[in-house]
Amino acid sequence: MSLGSLSLVDAAAGIREGRITSTELVEACLARVEEVDAKVEAWAFLDPAHALAQAKAADNHRRQGRPTGPLHGVPIGVKDIFDTADYPTEFGSPLWSGRTPRRDAAAVARLRAAGAVVMGKTVTTEYAYYNPGKTRNPHDPTRTPGGSSSGSAAAVAAGMVPGAIGSQTNGSVIRPAAFCGVVGFKPTHGLIPRTGALLLSRALDHVGVFGRSIADAALLAETLVGFDEEDPDTRPVSHPHFVEIAGSAPPLPPRFAFARTPAWKFAEPVTEQAFAELVETLGDNAGEVDLSMSFERAIELQGLVMAVDMAHNFHRDYEQGRDKLSPVLRALIEKGRQVPAVEYTRALAASANLNAVAESVFDEYDAILTPAAPGPAPRGTATGNPAFCSIWTYLGTPAITLPLMQDESGMPIGVQLVGRRGNDARLLRTAQWLTEFVAGGGRRPGKKAKSGSTKRKAAS
């Protein structure tokens, strides 16, 4: 196995135990960038000399016997909406070309405190909204990588970096992770501080992570969670150890609520077939829950809140530089400016009632099982339909997408699991159980295979 193909967890362990150096790992990642990025174009800013300088400093730090963090020497991609003191941060917009922050965003500062090498800035769509950037899907360059965290998902999928961070205000972590065939994890709202990141909507913005495994996502998320006095939605409370719990066996086999939400009408036939097979394979571990009526307006309400908040937060950009904004972003801002205050306030308040409905589901089931997207990544540059993510972003629940299925051409189909607010570690553990269940051909993890049984995919 080449160094560049190591998982984030294995790379961190290799450096910690002295089997590899950060310099060797970063050199391998840069070689991979040189090999494939001309077709993928995942990076907004990448300075190989600066990345190597960070790696050499990490190696010197370790050789001196000084304490190291959980990500010591590991290169991480950072979406270009997070401020970085050593790289430009331009939000995917010509309005902010050449912007050079003076300090790191909170998430970036925590990566550095854990010893990570900030490999570079990954491509984002304009203002983390819909207008696509230059990135293409690593599996098929004629298809979208999704958005808005397109570069982060594609860089991990293409083997250019073992982990990356992104953000989600609608479907911007889960959807690109699903399209690119990697693990994407969006924790509970307010779990990871957003200080120093582009503000779209306080009510909806989440920081998320990308990795090659659930363990990778758990390690990245555990490094980033915590209180930040500059983010009013974070709380000064202790959090469980994601890595330890994600790798543990659940006390009982988890149960999954296969949910038909209002987004189900967008599901493509290949997705319908794949999930029917998965639910059948899960047997008694799955039950069907129809949320189409309860959540009838949830997607609309999420869109309304996002439009108003973005109109407010980007007011100056619109007033002073609307001619440099894409038509799709201008249209959203103009829509948001027209929404009555009463309607906006009701849309914000409605999430509490819908969370109560979701809580009743979690009283019986460990996770909601639903597609991450209507189907595989569509052809063209449009970033795809985020409808299967919108509800869970609106509710602030944790969500993870797993690359467990694919269509006949080999394109990934993401399986999304949604958990109870605050039960992020349990969701990661449930996701690990499901991954092992599918990999084992429908056997419960830890059970021996019957004679003559064979491993099979959940869908083709």
Protein backbone atom coordinates (compact mmCIF):
# COMPACT_ATOMS: atom_id res chain seq x y z
CA MET A 1 0.00 0.00 0.00
CA SER A 2 1.34 3.43 -0.94
CA LEU A 3 1.64 6.07 1.75
CA GLY A 4 -0.83 8.28 -0.09
CA SER A 5 -3.55 5.64 0.19
CA LEU A 6 -3.32 5.34 3.98
CA SER A 7 -6.41 6.16 5.97
CA LEU A 8 -6.20 9.15 8.28
CA VAL A 9 -6.15 6.89 11.33
CA ASP A 10 -3.38 4.69 9.91
CA ALA A 11 -1.35 7.70 8.80
CA ALA A 12 -1.58 9.28 12.26
CA ALA A 13 -0.58 6.00 13.91
CA GLY A 14 2.32 5.49 11.49
CA ILE A 15 3.77 8.90 12.28
CA ARG A 16 3.15 8.56 16.00
CA GLU A 17 4.90 5.17 16.11
CA GLY A 18 7.80 6.29 13.92
CA ARG A 19 7.09 3.96 11.00
CA ILE A 20 6.71 6.87 8.60
CA THR A 21 7.47 10.57 8.72
CA SER A 22 5.17 13.47 8.00
CA THR A 23 7.55 14.53 5.23
CA GLU A 24 7.25 11.16 3.53
CA LEU A 25 3.47 11.25 3.78
CA VAL A 26 3.13 14.80 2.46
CA GLU A 27 5.53 14.02 -0.39
CA ALA A 28 3.37 11.01 -1.32
CA CYS A 29 0.22 13.17 -1.24
CA LEU A 30 1.86 15.85 -3.39
CA ALA A 31 2.94 13.18 -5.87
CA ARG A 32 -0.67 12.05 -6.08
CA VAL A 33 -1.79 15.65 -6.63
CA GLU A 34 0.70 15.94 -9.47
CA GLU A 35 -0.65 12.71 -10.95
CA VAL A 36 -4.41 13.32 -10.85
CA ASP A 37 -5.36 16.89 -10.00
CA ALA A 38 -5.18 18.16 -13.57
CA LYS A 39 -8.37 16.13 -14.15
CA VAL A 40 -10.00 16.62 -10.74
CA GLU A 41 -9.00 20.21 -9.84
CA ALA A 42 -9.80 19.90 -6.15
CA TRP A 43 -7.51 22.67 -4.90
CA ALA A 44 -8.13 26.41 -4.77
CA PHE A 45 -4.69 27.05 -3.23
CA LEU A 46 -1.85 24.60 -2.82
CA ASP A 47 1.74 25.55 -1.99
CA PRO A 48 3.86 22.37 -2.02
CA ALA A 49 6.86 24.11 -0.45
CA HIS A 50 4.72 25.40 2.44
CA ALA A 51 3.09 22.00 2.98
CA LEU A 52 6.52 20.35 3.10
CA ALA A 53 7.82 23.01 5.49
CA GLN A 54 4.96 22.20 7.89
CA ALA A 55 5.73 18.47 7.57
CA LYS A 56 9.44 18.98 8.30
CA ALA A 57 8.59 21.10 11.33
CA ALA A 58 6.27 18.33 12.56
CA ASP A 59 9.06 15.75 12.15
CA ASN A 60 11.55 17.95 14.00
CA HIS A 61 9.02 18.44 16.78
CA ARG A 62 8.64 14.70 17.21
CA ARG A 63 12.40 13.98 17.02
CA GLN A 64 12.91 16.36 19.91
CA GLY A 65 10.64 14.19 22.04
CA ARG A 66 8.01 16.87 22.45
CA PRO A 67 4.31 16.02 22.95
CA THR A 68 2.32 15.31 19.81
CA GLY A 69 -1.38 15.60 19.06
CA PRO A 70 -3.78 13.05 17.55
CA LEU A 71 -3.25 14.36 13.99
CA HIS A 72 0.47 15.08 14.27
CA GLY A 73 2.01 15.45 10.82
CA VAL A 74 -1.11 14.36 8.93
CA PRO A 75 -2.08 16.54 5.92
CA ILE A 76 -5.66 17.83 5.92
CA GLY A 77 -7.57 19.72 3.22
CA VAL A 78 -9.48 22.83 4.30
CA LYS A 79 -12.49 24.19 2.41
CA ASP A 80 -11.87 27.70 1.15
CA ILE A 81 -14.47 29.30 3.40
CA PHE A 82 -12.39 28.74 6.56
CA ASP A 83 -9.91 31.49 7.36
CA THR A 84 -6.26 30.47 7.25
CA ALA A 85 -3.49 32.82 8.30
CA ASP A 86 -1.02 31.29 5.84
CA TYR A 87 -3.28 30.85 2.78
CA PRO A 88 -5.78 33.15 1.03
CA THR A 89 -9.47 32.59 1.78
CA GLU A 90 -11.63 33.75 -1.11
CA PHE A 91 -15.03 32.00 -0.63
CA GLY A 92 -15.04 30.90 -4.28
CA SER A 93 -15.90 34.46 -5.34
CA PRO A 94 -14.07 37.08 -7.41
CA LEU A 95 -15.37 39.68 -4.94
CA TRP A 96 -12.92 38.30 -2.38
CA SER A 97 -9.98 37.60 -4.67
CA GLY A 98 -6.70 38.02 -2.81
CA ARG A 99 -8.28 38.11 0.65
CA THR A 100 -5.65 37.15 3.25
CA PRO A 101 -6.98 36.61 6.80
CA ARG A 102 -4.84 37.51 9.78
CA ARG A 103 -5.81 34.49 11.89
CA ASP A 104 -7.11 30.96 11.55
CA ALA A 105 -10.73 29.93 11.87
CA ALA A 106 -11.47 28.02 15.08
CA ALA A 107 -11.63 24.68 13.23
CA VAL A 108 -8.29 25.32 11.52
CA ALA A 109 -6.69 26.37 14.80
CA ARG A 110 -7.83 23.09 16.36
CA LEU A 111 -6.38 21.12 13.46
CA ARG A 112 -3.04 22.84 13.97
CA ALA A 113 -3.21 22.31 17.75
CA ALA A 114 -3.66 18.59 17.03
CA GLY A 115 -0.49 18.69 14.92
CA ALA A 116 -2.09 18.54 11.48
CA VAL A 117 -0.45 19.87 8.34
CA VAL A 118 -2.80 22.23 6.50
CA MET A 119 -2.18 20.81 3.04
CA GLY A 120 -4.04 23.57 1.19
CA LYS A 121 -7.43 25.13 0.51
CA THR A 122 -10.00 23.04 -1.31
CA VAL A 123 -12.44 24.38 -3.89
CA THR A 124 -15.85 25.59 -2.75
CA THR A 125 -18.80 26.68 -4.80
CA GLU A 126 -19.38 30.45 -4.77
CA TYR A 127 -20.16 31.48 -1.17
CA ALA A 128 -20.73 27.78 -0.38
CA TYR A 129 -23.98 27.92 -2.37
CA TYR A 130 -24.92 26.42 -5.76
CA ASN A 131 -22.74 28.07 -8.43
CA PRO A 132 -20.16 25.32 -9.12
CA GLY A 133 -16.39 25.64 -8.96
CA LYS A 134 -13.87 23.93 -11.19
CA THR A 135 -13.74 20.56 -9.39
CA ARG A 136 -14.82 17.36 -11.17
CA ASN A 137 -15.79 13.95 -9.86
CA PRO A 138 -12.73 11.68 -9.43
CA HIS A 139 -14.72 8.63 -10.58
CA ASP A 140 -15.92 10.28 -13.80
CA PRO A 141 -14.81 13.80 -14.79
CA THR A 142 -18.01 14.27 -16.81
CA ARG A 143 -19.99 14.22 -13.55
CA THR A 144 -20.33 16.66 -10.67
CA PRO A 145 -18.51 16.08 -7.37
CA GLY A 146 -21.45 17.74 -5.63
CA GLY A 147 -21.25 20.89 -3.60
CA SER A 148 -20.52 23.05 -1.91
CA SER A 149 -17.61 21.18 -0.29
CA SER A 150 -16.66 19.81 -3.70
CA GLY A 151 -12.90 20.09 -3.39
CA SER A 152 -12.75 18.50 0.06
CA ALA A 153 -14.75 15.43 -0.99
CA ALA A 154 -12.89 15.04 -4.28
CA ALA A 155 -9.44 15.46 -2.75
CA VAL A 156 -10.11 12.66 -0.25
CA ALA A 157 -11.73 10.41 -2.87
CA ALA A 158 -8.82 10.88 -5.29
CA GLY A 159 -6.21 9.99 -2.66
CA MET A 160 -4.65 13.46 -2.55
CA VAL A 161 -5.18 13.85 1.19
CA PRO A 162 -6.44 11.42 3.88
CA GLY A 163 -8.95 13.82 5.40
CA ALA A 164 -10.59 17.20 4.90
CA ILE A 165 -13.07 19.58 6.48
CA GLY A 166 -16.07 21.25 4.91
CA SER A 167 -19.36 22.87 5.81
CA GLN A 168 -23.06 22.19 5.35
CA THR A 169 -25.94 24.67 5.28
CA ASN A 170 -28.14 22.46 3.13
CA GLY A 171 -26.42 19.34 1.76
CA SER A 172 -22.83 20.47 1.32
CA VAL A 173 -21.04 17.67 3.22
CA ILE A 174 -23.29 14.66 2.81
CA ARG A 175 -24.06 15.10 -0.90
CA PRO A 176 -20.48 15.54 -2.22
CA ALA A 177 -19.25 12.74 0.03
CA ALA A 178 -21.92 10.46 -1.44
CA PHE A 179 -21.16 11.49 -5.03
CA CYS A 180 -17.41 11.00 -4.54
CA GLY A 181 -17.68 7.73 -2.59
CA VAL A 182 -16.16 8.75 0.76
CA VAL A 183 -17.44 9.00 4.33
CA GLY A 184 -18.94 12.39 5.13
CA PHE A 185 -20.04 13.28 8.66
CA LYS A 186 -22.11 16.30 9.73
CA PRO A 187 -22.26 16.45 13.53
CA THR A 188 -25.05 17.94 15.61
CA HIS A 189 -25.54 21.66 15.06
CA GLY A 190 -23.23 23.67 17.32
CA LEU A 191 -20.91 20.79 18.13
CA ILE A 192 -17.96 22.17 16.12
CA PRO A 193 -17.37 25.95 16.30
CA ARG A 194 -17.81 27.99 13.12
CA THR A 195 -15.83 31.04 14.22
CA GLY A 196 -13.75 32.34 11.33
CA ALA A 197 -15.76 30.50 8.69
CA LEU A 198 -18.01 32.21 6.15
CA LEU A 199 -21.39 32.78 7.80
CA LEU A 200 -24.36 31.82 5.66
CA SER A 201 -26.93 31.02 8.34
CA ARG A 202 -26.37 30.76 12.07
CA ALA A 203 -29.39 28.46 12.34
CA LEU A 204 -28.20 26.07 9.62
CA ASP A 205 -24.40 26.22 9.28
CA HIS A 206 -22.50 23.09 10.35
CA VAL A 207 -18.82 22.14 10.13
CA GLY A 208 -18.38 18.64 8.71
CA VAL A 209 -15.57 16.21 7.94
CA PHE A 210 -14.50 13.82 5.18
CA GLY A 211 -12.48 10.62 5.50
CA ARG A 212 -11.94 7.21 3.99
CA SER A 213 -13.55 5.40 6.92
CA ILE A 214 -15.87 5.98 9.85
CA ALA A 215 -12.84 5.87 12.14
CA ASP A 216 -11.28 8.69 10.11
CA ALA A 217 -14.42 10.81 10.43
CA ALA A 218 -14.60 10.07 14.16
CA LEU A 219 -10.98 11.13 14.73
CA LEU A 220 -11.36 14.36 12.77
CA ALA A 221 -14.63 15.26 14.45
CA GLU A 222 -13.33 14.46 17.93
CA THR A 223 -10.41 16.80 17.28
CA LEU A 224 -12.71 19.67 16.30
CA VAL A 225 -15.59 19.52 18.79
CA GLY A 226 -15.80 21.80 21.77
CA PHE A 227 -16.82 25.14 23.17
CA ASP A 228 -15.79 28.42 21.57
CA GLU A 229 -16.89 31.65 23.22
CA GLU A 230 -17.14 33.35 19.82
CA ASP A 231 -19.69 30.82 18.53
CA PRO A 232 -22.90 31.28 20.55
CA ASP A 233 -24.26 27.86 19.53
CA THR A 234 -21.43 25.88 21.11
CA ARG A 235 -21.76 24.76 24.72
CA PRO A 236 -19.17 24.35 27.52
CA VAL A 237 -19.96 20.68 28.16
CA SER A 238 -17.94 17.50 27.86
CA HIS A 239 -18.30 15.32 24.78
CA PRO A 240 -17.92 11.54 24.43
CA HIS A 241 -14.87 9.99 22.85
CA PHE A 242 -16.00 9.50 19.27
CA VAL A 243 -13.13 7.23 18.25
CA GLU A 244 -13.52 4.85 21.18
CA ILE A 245 -17.30 4.59 20.93
CA ALA A 246 -17.35 4.34 17.13
CA GLY A 247 -15.02 1.35 17.33
CA SER A 248 -16.98 -0.44 20.05
CA ALA A 249 -19.69 -3.06 19.66
CA PRO A 250 -23.25 -1.89 20.41
CA PRO A 251 -24.90 -3.64 23.37
CA LEU A 252 -27.67 -4.80 21.02
CA PRO A 253 -27.87 -4.93 17.22
CA PRO A 254 -29.13 -1.50 16.13
CA ARG A 255 -32.49 -0.94 14.49
CA PHE A 256 -32.94 1.28 11.46
CA ALA A 257 -35.97 3.35 10.50
CA PHE A 258 -36.18 3.38 6.72
CA ALA A 259 -37.75 6.80 6.21
CA ARG A 260 -39.78 8.00 3.28
CA THR A 261 -39.58 11.76 3.62
CA PRO A 262 -40.91 14.33 1.12
CA ALA A 263 -37.53 13.97 -0.64
CA TRP A 264 -38.39 10.41 -1.67
CA LYS A 265 -40.18 11.67 -4.77
CA PHE A 266 -36.75 12.64 -6.12
CA ALA A 267 -35.26 9.15 -5.69
CA GLU A 268 -34.05 7.60 -8.93
CA PRO A 269 -35.01 3.98 -9.78
CA VAL A 270 -31.49 2.72 -9.00
CA THR A 271 -31.75 4.26 -5.53
CA GLU A 272 -35.20 2.83 -4.91
CA GLN A 273 -33.97 -0.64 -5.86
CA ALA A 274 -30.78 -0.36 -3.82
CA PHE A 275 -32.57 0.68 -0.65
CA ALA A 276 -35.27 -1.95 -1.09
CA GLU A 277 -32.53 -4.59 -1.19
CA LEU A 278 -30.74 -3.09 1.80
CA VAL A 279 -33.89 -2.98 3.92
CA GLU A 280 -34.71 -6.56 2.92
CA THR A 281 -31.21 -7.66 3.89
CA LEU A 282 -31.50 -5.95 7.26
CA GLY A 283 -34.66 -7.93 7.99
CA ASP A 284 -35.87 -7.48 11.56
CA ASN A 285 -33.22 -4.81 12.11
CA ALA A 286 -35.18 -2.41 9.89
CA GLY A 287 -38.67 -0.98 9.91
CA GLU A 288 -40.33 1.47 7.57
CA VAL A 289 -41.41 4.90 8.80
CA ASP A 290 -43.40 7.30 6.64
CA LEU A 291 -42.45 10.88 7.45
CA SER A 292 -43.82 12.38 4.25
CA MET A 293 -46.80 14.06 5.96
CA SER A 294 -45.05 15.20 9.15
CA PHE A 295 -42.18 16.72 7.22
CA GLU A 296 -44.25 17.94 4.28
CA ARG A 297 -42.94 21.53 4.46
CA ALA A 298 -39.52 20.87 6.02
CA ILE A 299 -37.54 21.29 2.79
CA GLU A 300 -39.40 24.50 2.00
CA LEU A 301 -38.81 25.84 5.53
CA GLN A 302 -35.09 25.09 5.37
CA GLY A 303 -34.87 26.94 2.07
CA LEU A 304 -36.74 29.93 3.45
CA VAL A 305 -34.45 30.26 6.48
CA MET A 306 -31.38 29.91 4.28
CA ALA A 307 -32.58 32.54 1.81
CA VAL A 308 -33.34 35.14 4.48
CA ASP A 309 -30.14 34.54 6.43
CA MET A 310 -27.97 34.70 3.32
CA ALA A 311 -29.73 37.86 2.17
CA HIS A 312 -28.92 39.40 5.55
CA ASN A 313 -25.34 38.17 5.83
CA PHE A 314 -24.41 39.04 2.23
CA HIS A 315 -26.20 42.39 2.18
CA ARG A 316 -23.00 44.39 1.70
CA ASP A 317 -21.72 42.10 -1.06
CA TYR A 318 -25.02 42.38 -2.89
CA GLU A 319 -25.25 46.15 -2.56
CA GLN A 320 -21.65 46.83 -3.57
CA GLY A 321 -20.85 44.04 -6.01
CA ARG A 322 -23.98 42.33 -7.25
CA ASP A 323 -22.65 42.37 -10.82
CA LYS A 324 -19.87 40.01 -9.70
CA LEU A 325 -22.27 37.55 -8.07
CA SER A 326 -23.67 34.64 -10.06
CA PRO A 327 -27.30 34.87 -11.21
CA VAL A 328 -28.26 31.96 -8.95
CA LEU A 329 -26.83 33.66 -5.85
CA ARG A 330 -28.36 37.03 -6.73
CA ALA A 331 -31.75 35.34 -7.15
CA LEU A 332 -31.50 33.72 -3.71
CA ILE A 333 -30.55 37.00 -2.03
CA GLU A 334 -33.38 38.84 -3.77
CA LYS A 335 -35.82 36.13 -2.71
CA GLY A 336 -34.64 36.35 0.89
CA ARG A 337 -35.03 40.12 0.96
CA GLN A 338 -38.75 39.74 0.16
CA VAL A 339 -39.71 37.29 2.93
CA PRO A 340 -41.89 38.83 5.69
CA ALA A 341 -40.40 38.76 9.18
CA VAL A 342 -43.35 36.79 10.58
CA GLU A 343 -42.92 34.07 7.96
CA TYR A 344 -39.20 33.82 8.69
CA THR A 345 -39.77 33.64 12.45
CA ARG A 346 -42.34 30.87 12.00
CA ALA A 347 -39.92 28.94 9.80
CA LEU A 348 -37.25 29.13 12.50
CA ALA A 349 -39.66 28.05 15.22
CA ALA A 350 -41.13 25.13 13.27
CA SER A 351 -37.94 23.09 13.59
CA ALA A 352 -38.69 22.44 17.28
CA ASN A 353 -41.96 20.64 16.44
CA LEU A 354 -40.30 18.55 13.74
CA ASN A 355 -37.47 17.64 16.10
CA ALA A 356 -40.11 16.33 18.49
CA VAL A 357 -41.41 14.07 15.70
CA ALA A 358 -37.87 12.86 15.02
CA GLU A 359 -37.34 12.21 18.74
CA SER A 360 -40.31 9.83 18.73
CA VAL A 361 -38.64 7.86 15.92
CA PHE A 362 -35.38 7.66 17.88
CA ASP A 363 -37.26 6.33 20.90
CA GLU A 364 -37.73 3.14 18.88
CA TYR A 365 -34.86 3.15 16.38
CA ASP A 366 -31.13 3.82 16.63
CA ALA A 367 -30.90 5.68 13.31
CA ILE A 368 -32.98 6.85 10.39
CA LEU A 369 -31.92 5.20 7.13
CA THR A 370 -32.33 7.28 3.98
CA PRO A 371 -30.52 8.06 0.73
CA ALA A 372 -27.85 10.76 0.76
CA ALA A 373 -28.89 11.96 -2.70
CA PRO A 374 -31.46 11.06 -5.38
CA GLY A 375 -28.92 8.83 -7.12
CA PRO A 376 -25.32 8.72 -8.31
CA ALA A 377 -23.58 11.97 -9.25
CA PRO A 378 -25.35 13.45 -12.27
CA ARG A 379 -23.49 14.41 -15.41
CA GLY A 380 -22.61 18.06 -15.95
CA THR A 381 -21.51 20.79 -13.60
CA ALA A 382 -24.67 21.37 -11.55
CA THR A 383 -24.00 20.28 -7.98
CA GLY A 384 -27.07 18.03 -7.64
CA ASN A 385 -30.26 18.01 -5.60
CA PRO A 386 -29.69 18.40 -1.82
CA ALA A 387 -33.27 17.47 -0.85
CA PHE A 388 -32.30 14.29 1.03
CA CYS A 389 -30.08 16.42 3.31
CA SER A 390 -32.23 19.53 3.75
CA ILE A 391 -34.49 18.21 6.50
CA TRP A 392 -31.64 17.00 8.72
CA THR A 393 -29.70 20.23 8.31
CA TYR A 394 -32.83 22.16 9.25
CA LEU A 395 -33.27 20.01 12.37
CA GLY A 396 -29.58 20.14 13.31
CA THR A 397 -29.37 16.36 13.72
CA PRO A 398 -26.12 14.44 13.14
CA ALA A 399 -25.87 12.67 9.79
CA ILE A 400 -23.31 10.46 8.08
CA THR A 401 -23.10 9.06 4.55
CA LEU A 402 -21.46 5.71 3.86
CA PRO A 403 -20.17 4.53 0.44
CA LEU A 404 -21.87 1.14 0.69
CA MET A 405 -23.50 0.84 -2.74
CA GLN A 406 -22.94 1.64 -6.40
CA ASP A 407 -24.79 1.59 -9.69
CA GLU A 408 -24.02 -0.70 -12.62
CA SER A 409 -21.34 1.67 -13.93
CA GLY A 410 -19.54 1.69 -10.58
CA MET A 411 -20.63 5.18 -9.47
CA PRO A 412 -21.12 5.47 -5.69
CA ILE A 413 -24.55 5.63 -4.07
CA GLY A 414 -24.44 6.99 -0.54
CA VAL A 415 -26.34 5.51 2.39
CA GLN A 416 -27.25 8.23 4.87
CA LEU A 417 -27.84 7.57 8.55
CA VAL A 418 -29.38 10.23 10.79
CA GLY A 419 -29.17 10.19 14.57
CA ARG A 420 -30.72 11.90 17.56
CA ARG A 421 -29.37 15.38 18.34
CA GLY A 422 -26.36 15.03 20.62
CA ASN A 423 -26.02 11.28 20.03
CA ASP A 424 -23.20 11.66 17.53
CA ALA A 425 -20.97 8.96 18.99
CA ARG A 426 -23.81 6.46 19.01
CA LEU A 427 -24.56 7.31 15.36
CA LEU A 428 -20.92 6.62 14.44
CA ARG A 429 -21.08 3.26 16.23
CA THR A 430 -24.31 2.38 14.43
CA ALA A 431 -22.73 3.36 11.11
CA GLN A 432 -19.78 1.07 11.81
CA TRP A 433 -22.15 -1.81 12.57
CA LEU A 434 -23.99 -1.26 9.30
CA THR A 435 -20.74 -1.09 7.34
CA GLU A 436 -19.60 -4.40 8.79
CA PHE A 437 -23.04 -5.91 8.23
CA VAL A 438 -23.00 -5.02 4.52
CA ALA A 439 -19.37 -6.08 4.13
CA GLY A 440 -20.25 -9.40 5.73
CA GLY A 441 -22.96 -10.12 3.20
CA GLY A 442 -25.83 -9.53 5.59
CA ARG A 443 -24.36 -11.24 8.66
CA ARG A 444 -24.47 -9.49 11.98
CA PRO A 445 -20.96 -8.32 12.96
CA GLY A 446 -19.22 -10.89 15.10
CA LYS A 447 -21.26 -13.85 13.80
CA LYS A 448 -19.60 -16.62 11.85
CA ALA A 449 -20.70 -17.24 8.30
CA LYS A 450 -22.78 -20.29 7.58
CA SER A 451 -21.22 -22.95 5.39
CA GLY A 452 -21.47 -21.99 1.72
CA SER A 453 -22.59 -18.40 2.35
CA THR A 454 -21.09 -15.71 0.16
CA LYS A 455 -20.58 -11.99 0.47
CA ARG A 456 -22.82 -9.87 -1.72
CA LYS A 457 -23.40 -6.21 -2.42
CA ALA A 458 -26.46 -4.43 -1.14
CA ALA A 459 -27.16 -3.25 -4.67
CA SER A 460 -25.65 -3.35 -8.09
